[in-house]
PDB file of N, CA and C in Angstrom:
ATOM      1  N   MET A   1       0.733  -1.370  -0.089  1.00  0.00           N
ATOM      2  CA  MET A   1       0.016   0.125   0.249  1.00  0.00           C
ATOM      3  C   MET A   1       1.375   1.389  -0.299  1.00  0.00           C
ATOM      4  N   ILE A   2       0.591   2.177  -1.022  1.00  0.00           N
ATOM      5  CA  ILE A   2       1.258   3.233  -0.731  1.00  0.00           C
ATOM      6  C   ILE A   2       0.777   4.360   0.136  1.00  0.00           C
ATOM      7  N   GLN A   3       2.014   4.891   0.658  1.00  0.00           N
ATOM      8  CA  GLN A   3       1.628   5.993   1.992  1.00  0.00           C
ATOM      9  C   GLN A   3       1.085   7.364   1.351  1.00  0.00           C
ATOM     10  N   CYS A   4       0.371   8.042   1.860  1.00  0.00           N
ATOM     11  CA  CYS A   4      -0.194   9.288   1.432  1.00  0.00           C
ATOM     12  C   CYS A   4       0.600  10.136   1.216  1.00  0.00           C
ATOM     13  N   THR A   5       1.780  10.327   1.770  1.00  0.00           N
ATOM     14  CA  THR A   5       3.062  11.269   1.853  1.00  0.00           C
ATOM     15  C   THR A   5       3.706  11.011   0.451  1.00  0.00           C
ATOM     16  N   ASP A   6       3.466   9.512  -0.128  1.00  0.00           N
ATOM     17  CA  ASP A   6       4.448   9.691  -1.026  1.00  0.00           C
ATOM     18  C   ASP A   6       3.906   9.953  -2.176  1.00  0.00           C
ATOM     19  N   CYS A   7       2.486  10.179  -2.317  1.00  0.00           N
ATOM     20  CA  CYS A   7       1.558  10.484  -3.422  1.00  0.00           C
ATOM     21  C   CYS A   7       1.322  11.727  -3.936  1.00  0.00           C
ATOM     22  N   GLU A   8       1.627  11.896  -5.113  1.00  0.00           N
ATOM     23  CA  GLU A   8       1.714  13.384  -5.703  1.00  0.00           C
ATOM     24  C   GLU A   8       0.341  14.659  -5.436  1.00  0.00           C
ATOM     25  N   PHE A   9      -0.943  13.546  -4.798  1.00  0.00           N
ATOM     26  CA  PHE A   9      -1.923  14.146  -4.899  1.00  0.00           C
ATOM     27  C   PHE A   9      -2.139  14.597  -3.114  1.00  0.00           C
ATOM     28  N   PHE A  10      -1.183  14.374  -2.632  1.00  0.00           N
ATOM     29  CA  PHE A  10      -1.199  14.777  -1.202  1.00  0.00           C
ATOM     30  C   PHE A  10      -0.177  16.116  -0.862  1.00  0.00           C
ATOM     31  N   ARG A  11      -1.134  16.898  -0.005  1.00  0.00           N
ATOM     32  CA  ARG A  11      -0.554  18.060   0.456  1.00  0.00           C
ATOM     33  C   ARG A  11      -0.461  18.247   1.987  1.00  0.00           C
ATOM     34  N   ARG A  12      -0.033  19.033   2.562  1.00  0.00           N
ATOM     35  CA  ARG A  12       0.120  19.531   3.651  1.00  0.00           C
ATOM     36  C   ARG A  12      -0.614  20.904   4.008  1.00  0.00           C
ATOM     37  N   ARG A  13      -1.792  21.251   4.971  1.00  0.00           N
ATOM     38  CA  ARG A  13      -2.312  22.540   4.947  1.00  0.00           C
ATOM     39  C   ARG A  13      -1.148  23.242   6.206  1.00  0.00           C
ATOM     40  N   ALA A  14      -1.400  24.492   6.164  1.00  0.00           N
ATOM     41  CA  ALA A  14      -0.372  25.192   6.861  1.00  0.00           C
ATOM     42  C   ALA A  14      -0.570  24.966   8.633  1.00  0.00           C
ATOM     43  N   ASP A  15      -1.801  24.064   8.797  1.00  0.00           N
ATOM     44  CA  ASP A  15      -1.884  23.934  10.169  1.00  0.00           C
ATOM     45  C   ASP A  15      -1.406  22.688  10.345  1.00  0.00           C
ATOM     46  N   GLY A  16      -0.823  21.893   9.346  1.00  0.00           N
ATOM     47  CA  GLY A  16      -0.432  20.645   9.260  1.00  0.00           C
ATOM     48  C   GLY A  16      -1.124  19.552   9.042  1.00  0.00           C
ATOM     49  N   SER A  17      -2.519  19.310   8.612  1.00  0.00           N
ATOM     50  CA  SER A  17      -3.683  18.740   8.532  1.00  0.00           C
ATOM     51  C   SER A  17      -3.158  18.293   7.097  1.00  0.00           C
ATOM     52  N   PRO A  18      -3.635  16.878   7.169  1.00  0.00           N
ATOM     53  CA  PRO A  18      -3.668  16.601   5.356  1.00  0.00           C
ATOM     54  C   PRO A  18      -4.542  17.202   4.444  1.00  0.00           C
ATOM     55  N   LYS A  19      -4.282  17.514   3.439  1.00  0.00           N
ATOM     56  CA  LYS A  19      -4.991  17.719   2.210  1.00  0.00           C
ATOM     57  C   LYS A  19      -4.921  16.829   1.077  1.00  0.00           C
ATOM     58  N   LEU A  20      -6.123  16.179   0.661  1.00  0.00           N
ATOM     59  CA  LEU A  20      -5.790  15.077  -0.469  1.00  0.00           C
ATOM     60  C   LEU A  20      -6.459  15.636  -1.418  1.00  0.00           C
ATOM     61  N   MET A  21      -5.844  16.131  -2.478  1.00  0.00           N
ATOM     62  CA  MET A  21      -5.884  16.308  -3.921  1.00  0.00           C
ATOM     63  C   MET A  21      -6.746  15.611  -4.614  1.00  0.00           C
ATOM     64  N   CYS A  22      -6.937  14.252  -4.448  1.00  0.00           N
ATOM     65  CA  CYS A  22      -6.939  13.204  -5.275  1.00  0.00           C
ATOM     66  C   CYS A  22      -8.760  13.230  -5.657  1.00  0.00           C
ATOM     67  N   ASP A  23      -8.971  13.091  -6.560  1.00  0.00           N
ATOM     68  CA  ASP A  23     -10.448  13.018  -7.015  1.00  0.00           C
ATOM     69  C   ASP A  23     -10.849  11.224  -6.774  1.00  0.00           C
ATOM     70  N   PRO A  24     -12.204  11.163  -6.004  1.00  0.00           N
ATOM     71  CA  PRO A  24     -12.308   9.599  -5.428  1.00  0.00           C
ATOM     72  C   PRO A  24     -12.798   9.090  -6.757  1.00  0.00           C
ATOM     73  N   TYR A  25     -13.197   9.678  -7.935  1.00  0.00           N
ATOM     74  CA  TYR A  25     -13.605   9.128  -8.932  1.00  0.00           C
ATOM     75  C   TYR A  25     -12.573   8.867 -10.256  1.00  0.00           C
ATOM     76  N   SER A  26     -11.440   9.557 -10.203  1.00  0.00           N
ATOM     77  CA  SER A  26     -10.760   9.510 -11.223  1.00  0.00           C
ATOM     78  C   SER A  26      -9.261   8.902 -10.853  1.00  0.00           C
ATOM     79  N   THR A  27      -8.685   9.888  -9.852  1.00  0.00           N
ATOM     80  CA  THR A  27      -7.346   9.714  -9.526  1.00  0.00           C
ATOM     81  C   THR A  27      -6.771   8.734  -8.424  1.00  0.00           C
ATOM     82  N   ILE A  28      -8.055   8.417  -8.080  1.00  0.00           N
ATOM     83  CA  ILE A  28      -7.699   6.973  -6.749  1.00  0.00           C
ATOM     84  C   ILE A  28      -6.603   5.672  -7.328  1.00  0.00           C
ATOM     85  N   LYS A  29      -5.435   5.379  -6.687  1.00  0.00           N
ATOM     86  CA  LYS A  29      -4.711   5.002  -6.992  1.00  0.00           C
ATOM     87  C   LYS A  29      -4.672   3.359  -6.357  1.00  0.00           C
ATOM     88  N   GLU A  30      -5.297   3.326  -5.154  1.00  0.00           N
ATOM     89  CA  GLU A  30      -5.363   1.862  -4.393  1.00  0.00           C
ATOM     90  C   GLU A  30      -6.973   2.113  -3.497  1.00  0.00           C
ATOM     91  N   PRO A  31      -7.265   0.931  -3.418  1.00  0.00           N
ATOM     92  CA  PRO A  31      -8.587   1.177  -2.734  1.00  0.00           C
ATOM     93  C   PRO A  31      -8.714   1.707  -1.379  1.00  0.00           C
ATOM     94  N   GLU A  32      -7.670   1.654  -0.597  1.00  0.00           N
ATOM     95  CA  GLU A  32      -7.795   2.287   0.719  1.00  0.00           C
ATOM     96  C   GLU A  32      -7.534   3.781   0.570  1.00  0.00           C
ATOM     97  N   CYS A  33      -7.042   4.148  -0.457  1.00  0.00           N
ATOM     98  CA  CYS A  33      -7.485   5.936  -0.817  1.00  0.00           C
ATOM     99  C   CYS A  33      -8.773   6.250  -0.686  1.00  0.00           C
ATOM    100  N   ILE A  34      -9.786   5.441  -0.929  1.00  0.00           N
ATOM    101  CA  ILE A  34     -10.965   6.050  -0.587  1.00  0.00           C
ATOM    102  C   ILE A  34     -11.259   6.077   0.667  1.00  0.00           C
ATOM    103  N   PHE A  35     -11.037   5.319   1.477  1.00  0.00           N
ATOM    104  CA  PHE A  35     -11.251   5.168   3.022  1.00  0.00           C
ATOM    105  C   PHE A  35     -10.436   6.597   3.396  1.00  0.00           C
ATOM    106  N   LYS A  36      -9.251   6.628   2.972  1.00  0.00           N
ATOM    107  CA  LYS A  36      -8.422   7.897   3.866  1.00  0.00           C
ATOM    108  C   LYS A  36      -8.997   9.138   3.385  1.00  0.00           C
ATOM    109  N   TRP A  37      -9.691   9.406   1.885  1.00  0.00           N
ATOM    110  CA  TRP A  37     -10.065  10.696   1.479  1.00  0.00           C
ATOM    111  C   TRP A  37     -11.442  10.802   2.457  1.00  0.00           C
ATOM    112  N   GLN A  38     -12.332   9.777   2.458  1.00  0.00           N
ATOM    113  CA  GLN A  38     -13.652   9.940   2.886  1.00  0.00           C
ATOM    114  C   GLN A  38     -13.418  10.320   4.762  1.00  0.00           C
ATOM    115  N   LEU A  39     -12.407   9.453   5.447  1.00  0.00           N
ATOM    116  CA  LEU A  39     -11.956  10.183   6.965  1.00  0.00           C
ATOM    117  C   LEU A  39     -11.515  11.578   6.779  1.00  0.00           C
ATOM    118  N   VAL A  40     -10.801  12.297   5.923  1.00  0.00           N
ATOM    119  CA  VAL A  40     -10.663  13.265   5.883  1.00  0.00           C
ATOM    120  C   VAL A  40     -11.685  14.125   5.441  1.00  0.00           C
ATOM    121  N   GLU A  41     -12.576  13.938   4.430  1.00  0.00           N
ATOM    122  CA  GLU A  41     -13.706  14.828   3.991  1.00  0.00           C
ATOM    123  C   GLU A  41     -14.551  14.828   5.619  1.00  0.00           C
ATOM    124  N   LEU A  42     -14.820  13.685   6.243  1.00  0.00           N
ATOM    125  CA  LEU A  42     -15.793  13.988   7.519  1.00  0.00           C
ATOM    126  C   LEU A  42     -14.892  14.553   8.610  1.00  0.00           C
ATOM    127  N   GLN A  43     -13.697  14.316   8.647  1.00  0.00           N
ATOM    128  CA  GLN A  43     -13.268  15.507   9.664  1.00  0.00           C
ATOM    129  C   GLN A  43     -13.219  17.070   8.908  1.00  0.00           C
ATOM    130  N   VAL A  44     -13.185  17.233   7.840  1.00  0.00           N
ATOM    131  CA  VAL A  44     -13.523  18.709   7.507  1.00  0.00           C
ATOM    132  C   VAL A  44     -14.981  19.139   7.610  1.00  0.00           C
ATOM    133  N   MET A  45     -15.848  18.050   7.663  1.00  0.00           N
ATOM    134  CA  MET A  45     -17.475  18.188   7.618  1.00  0.00           C
ATOM    135  C   MET A  45     -17.321  18.758   9.664  1.00  0.00           C
ATOM    136  N   SER A  46     -16.924  17.623  10.212  1.00  0.00           N
ATOM    137  CA  SER A  46     -16.972  17.873  11.546  1.00  0.00           C
ATOM    138  C   SER A  46     -16.352  18.996  12.023  1.00  0.00           C
ATOM    139  N   ARG A  47     -15.462  19.973  11.309  1.00  0.00           N
ATOM    140  CA  ARG A  47     -14.514  21.033  11.714  1.00  0.00           C
ATOM    141  C   ARG A  47     -15.735  22.310  11.475  1.00  0.00           C
ATOM    142  N   SER A  48     -16.378  22.095  10.424  1.00  0.00           N
ATOM    143  CA  SER A  48     -17.484  22.876  10.064  1.00  0.00           C
ATOM    144  C   SER A  48     -18.521  22.989  10.955  1.00  0.00           C
ATOM    145  N   HIS A  49     -19.036  21.701  11.166  1.00  0.00           N
ATOM    146  CA  HIS A  49     -20.149  21.685  12.272  1.00  0.00           C
ATOM    147  C   HIS A  49     -19.750  22.566  13.614  1.00  0.00           C
ATOM    148  N   GLN A  50     -18.440  22.112  14.030  1.00  0.00           N
ATOM    149  CA  GLN A  50     -18.579  22.462  15.455  1.00  0.00           C
ATOM    150  C   GLN A  50     -18.265  24.250  15.068  1.00  0.00           C
ATOM    151  N   ALA A  51     -17.366  24.486  14.151  1.00  0.00           N
ATOM    152  CA  ALA A  51     -17.718  25.942  13.822  1.00  0.00           C
ATOM    153  C   ALA A  51     -19.057  26.863  13.618  1.00  0.00           C
ATOM    154  N   THR A  52     -19.948  26.221  13.035  1.00  0.00           N
ATOM    155  CA  THR A  52     -21.163  26.510  13.232  1.00  0.00           C
ATOM    156  C   THR A  52     -21.874  26.482  14.391  1.00  0.00           C
ATOM    157  N   LEU A  53     -21.219  25.716  15.496  1.00  0.00           N
ATOM    158  CA  LEU A  53     -22.096  25.690  16.606  1.00  0.00           C
ATOM    159  C   LEU A  53     -21.422  26.782  17.717  1.00  0.00           C
ATOM    160  N   ASP A  54     -19.851  27.119  17.148  1.00  0.00           N
ATOM    161  CA  ASP A  54     -19.539  27.964  17.956  1.00  0.00           C
ATOM    162  C   ASP A  54     -19.881  29.411  17.580  1.00  0.00           C
ATOM    163  N   MET A  55     -20.404  29.923  16.466  1.00  0.00           N
ATOM    164  CA  MET A  55     -20.935  30.621  16.195  1.00  0.00           C
ATOM    165  C   MET A  55     -22.404  30.907  16.906  1.00  0.00           C
ATOM    166  N   TYR A  56     -23.339  30.226  16.879  1.00  0.00           N
ATOM    167  CA  TYR A  56     -24.526  29.848  17.045  1.00  0.00           C
ATOM    168  C   TYR A  56     -24.462  30.404  18.530  1.00  0.00           C
ATOM    169  N   ARG A  57     -23.421  29.359  19.290  1.00  0.00           N
ATOM    170  CA  ARG A  57     -23.130  29.639  21.051  1.00  0.00           C
ATOM    171  C   ARG A  57     -23.048  31.453  21.263  1.00  0.00           C
ATOM    172  N   LYS A  58     -22.289  32.096  19.971  1.00  0.00           N
ATOM    173  CA  LYS A  58     -21.924  33.721  20.081  1.00  0.00           C
ATOM    174  C   LYS A  58     -23.185  34.443  19.989  1.00  0.00           C
ATOM    175  N   PHE A  59     -24.186  34.065  19.213  1.00  0.00           N
ATOM    176  CA  PHE A  59     -25.263  34.779  19.169  1.00  0.00           C
ATOM    177  C   PHE A  59     -26.354  34.388  19.958  1.00  0.00           C
ATOM    178  N   ALA A  60     -26.225  33.315  20.583  1.00  0.00           N
ATOM    179  CA  ALA A  60     -27.439  32.900  21.496  1.00  0.00           C
ATOM    180  C   ALA A  60     -27.709  34.348  22.079  1.00  0.00           C
ATOM    181  N   PRO A  61     -26.773  34.805  23.275  1.00  0.00           N
ATOM    182  CA  PRO A  61     -27.365  36.311  24.191  1.00  0.00           C
ATOM    183  C   PRO A  61     -27.897  37.331  23.167  1.00  0.00           C
ATOM    184  N   LEU A  62     -27.664  37.190  22.119  1.00  0.00           N
ATOM    185  CA  LEU A  62     -28.036  38.578  21.298  1.00  0.00           C
ATOM    186  C   LEU A  62     -29.409  37.877  20.885  1.00  0.00           C
ATOM    187  N   GLN A  63     -29.692  37.048  19.972  1.00  0.00           N
ATOM    188  CA  GLN A  63     -30.833  36.470  20.227  1.00  0.00           C
ATOM    189  C   GLN A  63     -31.810  36.618  21.184  1.00  0.00           C
ATOM    190  N   GLU A  64     -31.325  36.298  22.269  1.00  0.00           N
ATOM    191  CA  GLU A  64     -32.509  35.894  23.670  1.00  0.00           C
ATOM    192  C   GLU A  64     -32.792  37.696  23.647  1.00  0.00           C
ATOM    193  N   LYS A  65     -31.522  38.580  23.590  1.00  0.00           N
ATOM    194  CA  LYS A  65     -31.955  39.997  23.935  1.00  0.00           C
ATOM    195  C   LYS A  65     -33.007  40.517  22.564  1.00  0.00           C
ATOM    196  N   MET A  66     -33.099  40.221  21.504  1.00  0.00           N
ATOM    197  CA  MET A  66     -33.805  40.240  20.399  1.00  0.00           C
ATOM    198  C   MET A  66     -35.530  39.950  20.946  1.00  0.00           C
ATOM    199  N   PHE A  67     -35.098  38.828  21.074  1.00  0.00           N
ATOM    200  CA  PHE A  67     -36.571  38.108  21.290  1.00  0.00           C
ATOM    201  C   PHE A  67     -37.600  38.783  22.657  1.00  0.00           C
ATOM    202  N   ARG A  68     -36.514  39.197  23.713  1.00  0.00           N
ATOM    203  CA  ARG A  68     -37.364  40.147  24.752  1.00  0.00           C
ATOM    204  C   ARG A  68     -37.870  41.069  24.156  1.00  0.00           C
ATOM    205  N   HIS A  69     -36.977  41.899  23.370  1.00  0.00           N
ATOM    206  CA  HIS A  69     -37.266  43.064  22.963  1.00  0.00           C
ATOM    207  C   HIS A  69     -38.495  43.173  21.988  1.00  0.00           C
ATOM    208  N   MET A  70     -38.452  42.176  21.242  1.00  0.00           N
ATOM    209  CA  MET A  70     -39.960  41.847  20.415  1.00  0.00           C
ATOM    210  C   MET A  70     -41.162  41.665  21.083  1.00  0.00           C
ATOM    211  N   GLU A  71     -41.000  40.714  21.897  1.00  0.00           N
ATOM    212  CA  GLU A  71     -41.864  40.464  23.001  1.00  0.00           C
ATOM    213  C   GLU A  71     -42.682  41.642  23.645  1.00  0.00           C
ATOM    214  N   ARG A  72     -41.613  42.483  23.960  1.00  0.00           N
ATOM    215  CA  ARG A  72     -42.261  43.889  24.530  1.00  0.00           C
ATOM    216  C   ARG A  72     -43.025  44.691  23.463  1.00  0.00           C
ATOM    217  N   GLU A  73     -42.279  44.868  22.270  1.00  0.00           N
ATOM    218  CA  GLU A  73     -43.063  45.839  21.351  1.00  0.00           C
ATOM    219  C   GLU A  73     -44.349  45.158  20.982  1.00  0.00           C
ATOM    220  N   ILE A  74     -44.696  43.931  20.890  1.00  0.00           N
ATOM    221  CA  ILE A  74     -45.635  43.043  20.792  1.00  0.00           C
ATOM    222  C   ILE A  74     -46.638  43.573  21.708  1.00  0.00           C
ATOM    223  N   ASP A  75     -46.469  43.215  22.764  1.00  0.00           N
ATOM    224  CA  ASP A  75     -47.156  43.284  24.157  1.00  0.00           C
ATOM    225  C   ASP A  75     -47.566  45.018  24.056  1.00  0.00           C
ATOM    226  N   GLU A  76     -46.638  45.954  23.869  1.00  0.00           N
ATOM    227  CA  GLU A  76     -47.181  47.271  23.891  1.00  0.00           C
ATOM    228  C   GLU A  76     -47.944  47.451  22.614  1.00  0.00           C
ATOM    229  N   ALA A  77     -47.824  46.905  21.716  1.00  0.00           N
ATOM    230  CA  ALA A  77     -48.961  47.544  20.589  1.00  0.00           C
ATOM    231  C   ALA A  77     -50.038  46.403  20.811  1.00  0.00           C
ATOM    232  N   GLU A  78     -50.365  45.537  21.101  1.00  0.00           N
ATOM    233  CA  GLU A  78     -51.517  44.654  21.553  1.00  0.00           C
ATOM    234  C   GLU A  78     -52.311  45.603  22.937  1.00  0.00           C
ATOM    235  N   GLU A  79     -51.300  46.114  23.713  1.00  0.00           N
ATOM    236  CA  GLU A  79     -52.121  47.022  24.686  1.00  0.00           C
ATOM    237  C   GLU A  79     -52.370  48.474  24.428  1.00  0.00           C
ATOM    238  N   GLY A  80     -51.810  49.088  23.596  1.00  0.00           N
ATOM    239  CA  GLY A  80     -52.004  50.018  22.775  1.00  0.00           C
ATOM    240  C   GLY A  80     -53.616  49.995  21.904  1.00  0.00           C
ATOM    241  N   GLU A  81     -53.967  48.590  21.555  1.00  0.00           N
ATOM    242  CA  GLU A  81     -54.898  48.802  20.436  1.00  0.00           C
ATOM    243  C   GLU A  81     -55.983  47.944  21.336  1.00  0.00           C
ATOM    244  N   ARG A  82     -55.556  47.522  22.511  1.00  0.00           N
ATOM    245  CA  ARG A  82     -56.955  46.885  23.010  1.00  0.00           C
ATOM    246  C   ARG A  82     -58.108  47.468  23.304  1.00  0.00           C
ATOM    247  N   TRP A  83     -58.157  49.054  23.553  1.00  0.00           N
ATOM    248  CA  TRP A  83     -59.413  49.823  23.552  1.00  0.00           C
ATOM    249  C   TRP A  83     -60.348  49.412  22.271  1.00  0.00           C
ATOM    250  N   LYS A  84     -59.755  49.323  21.188  1.00  0.00           N
ATOM    251  CA  LYS A  84     -60.541  49.136  20.118  1.00  0.00           C
ATOM    252  C   LYS A  84     -61.627  47.863  20.215  1.00  0.00           C
ATOM    253  N   TYR A  85     -60.794  47.031  20.815  1.00  0.00           N
ATOM    254  CA  TYR A  85     -61.731  45.576  20.824  1.00  0.00           C
ATOM    255  C   TYR A  85     -62.634  45.833  22.171  1.00  0.00           C
ATOM    256  N   GLU A  86     -62.272  46.148  23.382  1.00  0.00           N
ATOM    257  CA  GLU A  86     -62.911  46.454  24.689  1.00  0.00           C
ATOM    258  C   GLU A  86     -64.357  47.317  24.183  1.00  0.00           C
ATOM    259  N   ASP A  87     -64.258  48.399  23.469  1.00  0.00           N
ATOM    260  CA  ASP A  87     -65.398  48.894  23.233  1.00  0.00           C
ATOM    261  C   ASP A  87     -66.006  48.333  21.938  1.00  0.00           C
ATOM    262  N   PHE A  88     -65.815  47.236  21.336  1.00  0.00           N
ATOM    263  CA  PHE A  88     -66.187  46.626  20.401  1.00  0.00           C
ATOM    264  C   PHE A  88     -67.249  45.604  21.326  1.00  0.00           C
ATOM    265  N   GLU A  89     -66.392  45.165  21.941  1.00  0.00           N
ATOM    266  CA  GLU A  89     -66.945  43.955  22.854  1.00  0.00           C
ATOM    267  C   GLU A  89     -68.294  44.499  23.977  1.00  0.00           C
ATOM    268  N   GLY A  90     -67.941  45.618  24.294  1.00  0.00           N
ATOM    269  CA  GLY A  90     -69.007  46.377  25.432  1.00  0.00           C
ATOM    270  C   GLY A  90     -70.488  46.722  24.423  1.00  0.00           C
ATOM    271  N   ASP A  91     -69.992  47.151  23.143  1.00  0.00           N
ATOM    272  CA  ASP A  91     -70.849  47.605  22.386  1.00  0.00           C
ATOM    273  C   ASP A  91     -71.768  46.097  22.271  1.00  0.00           C
ATOM    274  N   GLU A  92     -71.381  45.214  21.834  1.00  0.00           N
ATOM    275  CA  GLU A  92     -72.050  43.920  21.818  1.00  0.00           C
ATOM    276  C   GLU A  92     -73.082  43.673  22.568  1.00  0.00           C
ATOM    277  N   GLU A  93     -72.189  43.857  24.058  1.00  0.00           N
ATOM    278  CA  GLU A  93     -73.394  43.306  25.083  1.00  0.00           C
ATOM    279  C   GLU A  93     -74.504  44.195  25.313  1.00  0.00           C
ATOM    280  N   ASP A  94     -74.191  45.564  24.768  1.00  0.00           N
ATOM    281  CA  ASP A  94     -75.373  46.813  25.161  1.00  0.00           C
ATOM    282  C   ASP A  94     -76.158  46.019  24.075  1.00  0.00           C
ATOM    283  N   ASP A  95     -75.819  46.431  22.665  1.00  0.00           N
ATOM    284  CA  ASP A  95     -76.692  45.667  21.831  1.00  0.00           C
ATOM    285  C   ASP A  95     -77.889  44.662  22.012  1.00  0.00           C
ATOM    286  N   ASP A  96     -77.032  43.293  22.688  1.00  0.00           N
ATOM    287  CA  ASP A  96     -78.023  42.241  23.385  1.00  0.00           C
ATOM    288  C   ASP A  96     -79.282  42.700  24.049  1.00  0.00           C
ATOM    289  N   SER A  97     -78.718  43.321  24.977  1.00  0.00           N
ATOM    290  CA  SER A  97     -79.445  43.914  26.276  1.00  0.00           C
ATOM    291  C   SER A  97     -80.208  44.651  25.719  1.00  0.00           C
ATOM    292  N   ALA A  98     -80.046  45.654  24.731  1.00  0.00           N
ATOM    293  CA  ALA A  98     -81.532  46.586  24.233  1.00  0.00           C
ATOM    294  C   ALA A  98     -82.329  45.816  23.363  1.00  0.00           C
ATOM    295  N   ASP A  99     -81.589  44.851  22.531  1.00  0.00           N
ATOM    296  CA  ASP A  99     -82.432  44.070  21.500  1.00  0.00           C
ATOM    297  C   ASP A  99     -83.727  42.692  22.757  1.00  0.00           C
ATOM    298  N   ALA A 100     -83.196  42.840  23.765  1.00  0.00           N
ATOM    299  CA  ALA A 100     -83.550  41.857  24.569  1.00  0.00           C
ATOM    300  C   ALA A 100     -85.006  42.624  25.024  1.00  0.00           C
ATOM    301  N   ALA A 101     -84.416  44.139  25.335  1.00  0.00           N
ATOM    302  CA  ALA A 101     -85.614  45.169  26.207  1.00  0.00           C
ATOM    303  C   ALA A 101     -86.594  44.947  25.303  1.00  0.00           C
ATOM    304  N   ARG A 102     -85.993  45.208  23.925  1.00  0.00           N
ATOM    305  CA  ARG A 102     -87.327  45.153  22.615  1.00  0.00           C
ATOM    306  C   ARG A 102     -88.308  44.409  22.453  1.00  0.00           C
ATOM    307  N   GLY A 103     -87.650  43.050  22.966  1.00  0.00           N
ATOM    308  CA  GLY A 103     -88.514  42.204  22.491  1.00  0.00           C
ATOM    309  C   GLY A 103     -87.789  41.342  21.480  1.00  0.00           C
ATOM    310  N   TRP A 104     -86.739  41.610  20.789  1.00  0.00           N
ATOM    311  CA  TRP A 104     -86.000  40.667  19.598  1.00  0.00           C
ATOM    312  C   TRP A 104     -85.522  39.464  19.792  1.00  0.00           C
TER     313      TRP A 104
END
């Protein structure tokens, strides 16, 4: 089995991690190369997912603050418009009692 370090499709990144330049559909020299390539790609996906989670952790306090602010704004807007609905509900009760008094 050929070692990746001996292959012309192998590179090292600046951080020392392996970078396989091979294409799994055309430039694979040995069957083990596919397994190594999959492992490296899985590591890349894992690092990307971890970076995404780290970013979500940074945004969590800001999101909580935004949600509290939005809830306050919605509550204030509903409270400000409550007078419209209270008068309407009161008018219905008055209309019902007036209709009953008239015999309707």
